[in-house]
Amino acid sequence: MRSGPKRPRASLAAGVILNSHGHVLLVKHSYGPLNWELPGGAAERDESPTETSVREVLEETGLRVSAERLTGVYYERHGPGREALHFVFLCRIVDEVATPRPDLDEVTACAYWPPETLPRPISDFTIRRIQHALGNHGPEVPVTIAPRQWLMSRADRPVLHRAAATKSAAETAPLTA
């Protein structure tokens, strides 16, 4: 066993959510490379990975979900003394008629995408987590990930959903990208 101070380790969790057509729900970030990503984020104090996934999906999309199964655990080194564990869950929407709505703080859009035509920009890590979740099972042991590679252009356009403070007909009207 090593002696010395413990290294800070972040715990993050994300949810893979599918609609009735088997399309994957992604959120578009309002920060960084403005990328498409699985809904998820960092754990709060004394929060389990499952609780983190469910809370983050609700915060970013407004959807209430239940985590059905763990599909992967990923280890990421951010540099000397900094590392993260990423947990990914296949989630089921509790209210099947609910529509995802971006929180407009961290997320500017929510959209379902066919797994074979995911939007850009998106990281190879996000694609890998989706592939593992859609397979029969995730990796048997945690996967160490390399620095992310960004895939930048795709002509495909999703149906985006507008966030609104009050319920209205415009709330469910699709937007085109």
C-alpha atoms as a PDB file:
ATOM      1  CA  MET A   1       0.000   0.000   0.000  1.00  0.00           C
ATOM      2  CA  ARG A   2       1.258   3.477  -0.875  1.00  0.00           C
ATOM      3  CA  SER A   3       1.795   6.068   1.787  1.00  0.00           C
ATOM      4  CA  GLY A   4       1.300   9.778   1.369  1.00  0.00           C
ATOM      5  CA  PRO A   5      -1.654  12.018   0.629  1.00  0.00           C
ATOM      6  CA  LYS A   6      -4.613  10.627  -1.264  1.00  0.00           C
ATOM      7  CA  ARG A   7      -5.084  11.850  -4.813  1.00  0.00           C
ATOM      8  CA  PRO A   8      -8.261  13.782  -5.612  1.00  0.00           C
ATOM      9  CA  ARG A   9     -10.630  11.577  -7.586  1.00  0.00           C
ATOM     10  CA  ALA A  10     -13.725  12.871  -9.268  1.00  0.00           C
ATOM     11  CA  SER A  11     -16.770  10.651  -9.591  1.00  0.00           C
ATOM     12  CA  LEU A  12     -18.986  11.320 -12.605  1.00  0.00           C
ATOM     13  CA  ALA A  13     -22.070   9.560 -13.929  1.00  0.00           C
ATOM     14  CA  ALA A  14     -24.137   9.709 -17.093  1.00  0.00           C
ATOM     15  CA  GLY A  15     -27.335   8.191 -18.443  1.00  0.00           C
ATOM     16  CA  VAL A  16     -27.943   6.567 -21.805  1.00  0.00           C
ATOM     17  CA  ILE A  17     -31.622   7.133 -22.613  1.00  0.00           C
ATOM     18  CA  LEU A  18     -33.358   5.680 -25.657  1.00  0.00           C
ATOM     19  CA  ASN A  19     -36.662   6.705 -27.208  1.00  0.00           C
ATOM     20  CA  SER A  20     -39.133   4.232 -28.730  1.00  0.00           C
ATOM     21  CA  HIS A  21     -37.170   4.294 -32.018  1.00  0.00           C
ATOM     22  CA  GLY A  22     -33.902   3.345 -30.312  1.00  0.00           C
ATOM     23  CA  HIS A  23     -32.437   6.843 -30.725  1.00  0.00           C
ATOM     24  CA  VAL A  24     -30.053   8.123 -28.031  1.00  0.00           C
ATOM     25  CA  LEU A  25     -30.751  11.321 -26.083  1.00  0.00           C
ATOM     26  CA  LEU A  26     -27.839  13.752 -26.193  1.00  0.00           C
ATOM     27  CA  VAL A  27     -27.428  17.236 -24.775  1.00  0.00           C
ATOM     28  CA  LYS A  28     -25.439  20.084 -26.329  1.00  0.00           C
ATOM     29  CA  HIS A  29     -23.162  21.859 -23.865  1.00  0.00           C
ATOM     30  CA  SER A  30     -23.066  25.642 -23.520  1.00  0.00           C
ATOM     31  CA  TYR A  31     -19.376  25.567 -22.560  1.00  0.00           C
ATOM     32  CA  GLY A  32     -16.067  24.094 -23.740  1.00  0.00           C
ATOM     33  CA  PRO A  33     -16.140  22.805 -27.318  1.00  0.00           C
ATOM     34  CA  LEU A  34     -19.976  23.167 -27.376  1.00  0.00           C
ATOM     35  CA  ASN A  35     -20.175  19.429 -27.878  1.00  0.00           C
ATOM     36  CA  TRP A  36     -22.957  16.875 -27.824  1.00  0.00           C
ATOM     37  CA  GLU A  37     -22.757  14.626 -24.780  1.00  0.00           C
ATOM     38  CA  LEU A  38     -24.677  12.139 -22.690  1.00  0.00           C
ATOM     39  CA  PRO A  39     -26.601  13.873 -19.902  1.00  0.00           C
ATOM     40  CA  GLY A  40     -24.525  13.553 -16.750  1.00  0.00           C
ATOM     41  CA  GLY A  41     -22.021  15.215 -14.482  1.00  0.00           C
ATOM     42  CA  ALA A  42     -20.123  15.211 -11.225  1.00  0.00           C
ATOM     43  CA  ALA A  43     -21.299  13.585  -8.016  1.00  0.00           C
ATOM     44  CA  GLU A  44     -22.267  15.700  -5.052  1.00  0.00           C
ATOM     45  CA  ARG A  45     -21.007  14.885  -1.568  1.00  0.00           C
ATOM     46  CA  ASP A  46     -22.249  11.484  -0.291  1.00  0.00           C
ATOM     47  CA  GLU A  47     -24.056  10.759  -3.587  1.00  0.00           C
ATOM     48  CA  SER A  48     -23.846   7.338  -5.235  1.00  0.00           C
ATOM     49  CA  PRO A  49     -23.059   7.034  -8.956  1.00  0.00           C
ATOM     50  CA  THR A  50     -26.651   5.887  -9.591  1.00  0.00           C
ATOM     51  CA  GLU A  51     -28.074   8.901  -7.740  1.00  0.00           C
ATOM     52  CA  THR A  52     -25.690  11.193  -9.642  1.00  0.00           C
ATOM     53  CA  SER A  53     -26.870   9.869 -13.001  1.00  0.00           C
ATOM     54  CA  VAL A  54     -30.567  10.252 -12.160  1.00  0.00           C
ATOM     55  CA  ARG A  55     -30.096  13.767 -10.704  1.00  0.00           C
ATOM     56  CA  GLU A  56     -27.964  15.014 -13.595  1.00  0.00           C
ATOM     57  CA  VAL A  57     -30.431  13.759 -16.217  1.00  0.00           C
ATOM     58  CA  LEU A  58     -33.246  15.588 -14.400  1.00  0.00           C
ATOM     59  CA  GLU A  59     -31.206  18.799 -14.059  1.00  0.00           C
ATOM     60  CA  GLU A  60     -30.027  18.874 -17.683  1.00  0.00           C
ATOM     61  CA  THR A  61     -33.155  17.583 -19.489  1.00  0.00           C
ATOM     62  CA  GLY A  62     -36.093  17.804 -17.077  1.00  0.00           C
ATOM     63  CA  LEU A  63     -36.685  14.049 -17.485  1.00  0.00           C
ATOM     64  CA  ARG A  64     -37.282  11.750 -14.529  1.00  0.00           C
ATOM     65  CA  VAL A  65     -35.478   8.473 -15.134  1.00  0.00           C
ATOM     66  CA  SER A  66     -34.625   5.278 -13.324  1.00  0.00           C
ATOM     67  CA  ALA A  67     -31.243   3.631 -13.797  1.00  0.00           C
ATOM     68  CA  GLU A  68     -31.820   0.114 -15.163  1.00  0.00           C
ATOM     69  CA  ARG A  69     -28.255  -1.199 -15.319  1.00  0.00           C
ATOM     70  CA  LEU A  70     -24.621  -0.180 -15.173  1.00  0.00           C
ATOM     71  CA  THR A  71     -23.120  -0.347 -18.676  1.00  0.00           C
ATOM     72  CA  GLY A  72     -19.566   0.811 -18.031  1.00  0.00           C
ATOM     73  CA  VAL A  73     -16.975   2.197 -15.625  1.00  0.00           C
ATOM     74  CA  TYR A  74     -14.168   4.292 -17.126  1.00  0.00           C
ATOM     75  CA  TYR A  75     -10.955   5.603 -15.586  1.00  0.00           C
ATOM     76  CA  GLU A  76      -9.532   8.925 -16.792  1.00  0.00           C
ATOM     77  CA  ARG A  77      -6.220  10.483 -15.749  1.00  0.00           C
ATOM     78  CA  HIS A  78      -6.273  14.290 -15.969  1.00  0.00           C
ATOM     79  CA  GLY A  79      -2.604  14.729 -15.086  1.00  0.00           C
ATOM     80  CA  PRO A  80      -0.416  14.163 -12.053  1.00  0.00           C
ATOM     81  CA  GLY A  81      -2.566  13.608  -8.982  1.00  0.00           C
ATOM     82  CA  ARG A  82      -5.877  14.134 -10.810  1.00  0.00           C
ATOM     83  CA  GLU A  83      -8.149  11.347 -12.004  1.00  0.00           C
ATOM     84  CA  ALA A  84     -11.815  10.573 -12.573  1.00  0.00           C
ATOM     85  CA  LEU A  85     -14.091   7.567 -12.554  1.00  0.00           C
ATOM     86  CA  HIS A  86     -17.003   7.728 -15.011  1.00  0.00           C
ATOM     87  CA  PHE A  87     -20.060   5.513 -14.425  1.00  0.00           C
ATOM     88  CA  VAL A  88     -22.620   5.030 -17.196  1.00  0.00           C
ATOM     89  CA  PHE A  89     -26.136   3.653 -16.765  1.00  0.00           C
ATOM     90  CA  LEU A  90     -28.804   2.607 -19.212  1.00  0.00           C
ATOM     91  CA  CYS A  91     -31.814   4.603 -17.985  1.00  0.00           C
ATOM     92  CA  ARG A  92     -35.549   4.370 -18.552  1.00  0.00           C
ATOM     93  CA  ILE A  93     -37.790   7.448 -18.673  1.00  0.00           C
ATOM     94  CA  VAL A  94     -40.398   7.264 -15.892  1.00  0.00           C
ATOM     95  CA  ASP A  95     -42.999   9.343 -17.792  1.00  0.00           C
ATOM     96  CA  GLU A  96     -42.828   8.061 -21.365  1.00  0.00           C
ATOM     97  CA  VAL A  97     -44.681  11.074 -22.816  1.00  0.00           C
ATOM     98  CA  ALA A  98     -42.280  13.593 -21.238  1.00  0.00           C
ATOM     99  CA  THR A  99     -40.241  15.733 -23.625  1.00  0.00           C
ATOM    100  CA  PRO A 100     -36.606  16.600 -22.863  1.00  0.00           C
ATOM    101  CA  ARG A 101     -35.976  20.289 -22.308  1.00  0.00           C
ATOM    102  CA  PRO A 102     -32.504  21.839 -21.988  1.00  0.00           C
ATOM    103  CA  ASP A 103     -31.793  23.596 -18.701  1.00  0.00           C
ATOM    104  CA  LEU A 104     -30.301  26.575 -20.656  1.00  0.00           C
ATOM    105  CA  ASP A 105     -27.575  26.974 -18.016  1.00  0.00           C
ATOM    106  CA  GLU A 106     -25.205  24.158 -19.018  1.00  0.00           C
ATOM    107  CA  VAL A 107     -27.257  22.741 -21.893  1.00  0.00           C
ATOM    108  CA  THR A 108     -28.524  24.603 -24.972  1.00  0.00           C
ATOM    109  CA  ALA A 109     -30.322  21.716 -26.716  1.00  0.00           C
ATOM    110  CA  CYS A 110     -31.581  18.169 -26.220  1.00  0.00           C
ATOM    111  CA  ALA A 111     -32.174  15.795 -29.122  1.00  0.00           C
ATOM    112  CA  TYR A 112     -32.550  12.104 -29.881  1.00  0.00           C
ATOM    113  CA  TRP A 113     -30.106  10.763 -32.456  1.00  0.00           C
ATOM    114  CA  PRO A 114     -29.873   7.461 -34.322  1.00  0.00           C
ATOM    115  CA  PRO A 115     -26.764   5.676 -32.960  1.00  0.00           C
ATOM    116  CA  GLU A 116     -25.342   5.319 -36.470  1.00  0.00           C
ATOM    117  CA  THR A 117     -25.544   9.090 -37.216  1.00  0.00           C
ATOM    118  CA  LEU A 118     -24.471  10.850 -34.022  1.00  0.00           C
ATOM    119  CA  PRO A 119     -23.962  14.634 -34.264  1.00  0.00           C
ATOM    120  CA  ARG A 120     -20.721  16.591 -34.242  1.00  0.00           C
ATOM    121  CA  PRO A 121     -18.854  17.817 -32.324  1.00  0.00           C
ATOM    122  CA  ILE A 122     -18.803  14.719 -30.154  1.00  0.00           C
ATOM    123  CA  SER A 123     -15.969  12.915 -28.414  1.00  0.00           C
ATOM    124  CA  ASP A 124     -14.818   9.411 -29.159  1.00  0.00           C
ATOM    125  CA  PHE A 125     -15.396   8.708 -25.454  1.00  0.00           C
ATOM    126  CA  THR A 126     -19.098   9.563 -25.758  1.00  0.00           C
ATOM    127  CA  ILE A 127     -19.443   7.281 -28.788  1.00  0.00           C
ATOM    128  CA  ARG A 128     -17.669   4.446 -26.939  1.00  0.00           C
ATOM    129  CA  ARG A 129     -20.005   4.770 -23.922  1.00  0.00           C
ATOM    130  CA  ILE A 130     -23.061   4.670 -26.189  1.00  0.00           C
ATOM    131  CA  GLN A 131     -21.737   1.594 -28.003  1.00  0.00           C
ATOM    132  CA  HIS A 132     -21.095  -0.188 -24.692  1.00  0.00           C
ATOM    133  CA  ALA A 133     -24.569   0.697 -23.403  1.00  0.00           C
ATOM    134  CA  LEU A 134     -26.269  -0.565 -26.564  1.00  0.00           C
ATOM    135  CA  GLY A 135     -24.344  -3.847 -26.505  1.00  0.00           C
ATOM    136  CA  ASN A 136     -25.493  -6.785 -24.410  1.00  0.00           C
ATOM    137  CA  HIS A 137     -23.176  -5.752 -21.612  1.00  0.00           C
ATOM    138  CA  GLY A 138     -20.520  -3.205 -20.872  1.00  0.00           C
ATOM    139  CA  PRO A 139     -16.840  -3.893 -20.382  1.00  0.00           C
ATOM    140  CA  GLU A 140     -16.002  -6.506 -17.740  1.00  0.00           C
ATOM    141  CA  VAL A 141     -13.456  -4.247 -16.014  1.00  0.00           C
ATOM    142  CA  PRO A 142     -13.058  -0.462 -15.881  1.00  0.00           C
ATOM    143  CA  VAL A 143     -11.684   0.917 -19.153  1.00  0.00           C
ATOM    144  CA  THR A 144      -8.766   3.356 -19.085  1.00  0.00           C
ATOM    145  CA  ILE A 145      -9.407   6.085 -21.633  1.00  0.00           C
ATOM    146  CA  ALA A 146      -6.862   8.066 -23.629  1.00  0.00           C
ATOM    147  CA  PRO A 147      -7.118  11.818 -24.188  1.00  0.00           C
ATOM    148  CA  ARG A 148     -10.325  12.534 -26.103  1.00  0.00           C
ATOM    149  CA  GLN A 149     -10.368  13.027 -29.845  1.00  0.00           C
ATOM    150  CA  TRP A 150     -12.993  15.443 -31.178  1.00  0.00           C
ATOM    151  CA  LEU A 151     -14.943  14.561 -34.317  1.00  0.00           C
ATOM    152  CA  MET A 152     -16.128  17.878 -35.683  1.00  0.00           C
ATOM    153  CA  SER A 153     -18.403  17.956 -38.725  1.00  0.00           C
ATOM    154  CA  ARG A 154     -21.575  16.210 -39.744  1.00  0.00           C
ATOM    155  CA  ALA A 155     -24.299  17.497 -42.045  1.00  0.00           C
ATOM    156  CA  ASP A 156     -27.095  15.694 -40.142  1.00  0.00           C
ATOM    157  CA  ARG A 157     -29.492  17.946 -38.256  1.00  0.00           C
ATOM    158  CA  PRO A 158     -31.562  16.858 -35.233  1.00  0.00           C
ATOM    159  CA  VAL A 159     -34.972  17.910 -34.087  1.00  0.00           C
ATOM    160  CA  LEU A 160     -34.199  20.241 -31.187  1.00  0.00           C
ATOM    161  CA  HIS A 161     -36.591  20.908 -28.348  1.00  0.00           C
ATOM    162  CA  ARG A 162     -37.119  24.429 -27.039  1.00  0.00           C
ATOM    163  CA  ALA A 163     -37.073  25.124 -23.305  1.00  0.00           C
ATOM    164  CA  ALA A 164     -39.798  27.416 -22.008  1.00  0.00           C
ATOM    165  CA  ALA A 165     -40.574  28.836 -18.594  1.00  0.00           C
ATOM    166  CA  THR A 166     -44.310  28.317 -19.034  1.00  0.00           C
ATOM    167  CA  LYS A 167     -46.239  25.587 -20.771  1.00  0.00           C
ATOM    168  CA  SER A 168     -47.392  26.546 -24.231  1.00  0.00           C
ATOM    169  CA  ALA A 169     -47.873  25.104 -27.708  1.00  0.00           C
ATOM    170  CA  ALA A 170     -44.444  26.461 -28.601  1.00  0.00           C
ATOM    171  CA  GLU A 171     -42.946  24.353 -25.849  1.00  0.00           C
ATOM    172  CA  THR A 172     -43.296  21.163 -27.839  1.00  0.00           C
ATOM    173  CA  ALA A 173     -42.771  22.659 -31.281  1.00  0.00           C
ATOM    174  CA  PRO A 174     -39.676  21.184 -32.949  1.00  0.00           C
ATOM    175  CA  LEU A 175     -36.866  23.459 -33.968  1.00  0.00           C
ATOM    176  CA  THR A 176     -34.542  22.674 -36.827  1.00  0.00           C
ATOM    177  CA  ALA A 177     -30.836  23.106 -36.402  1.00  0.00           C
END
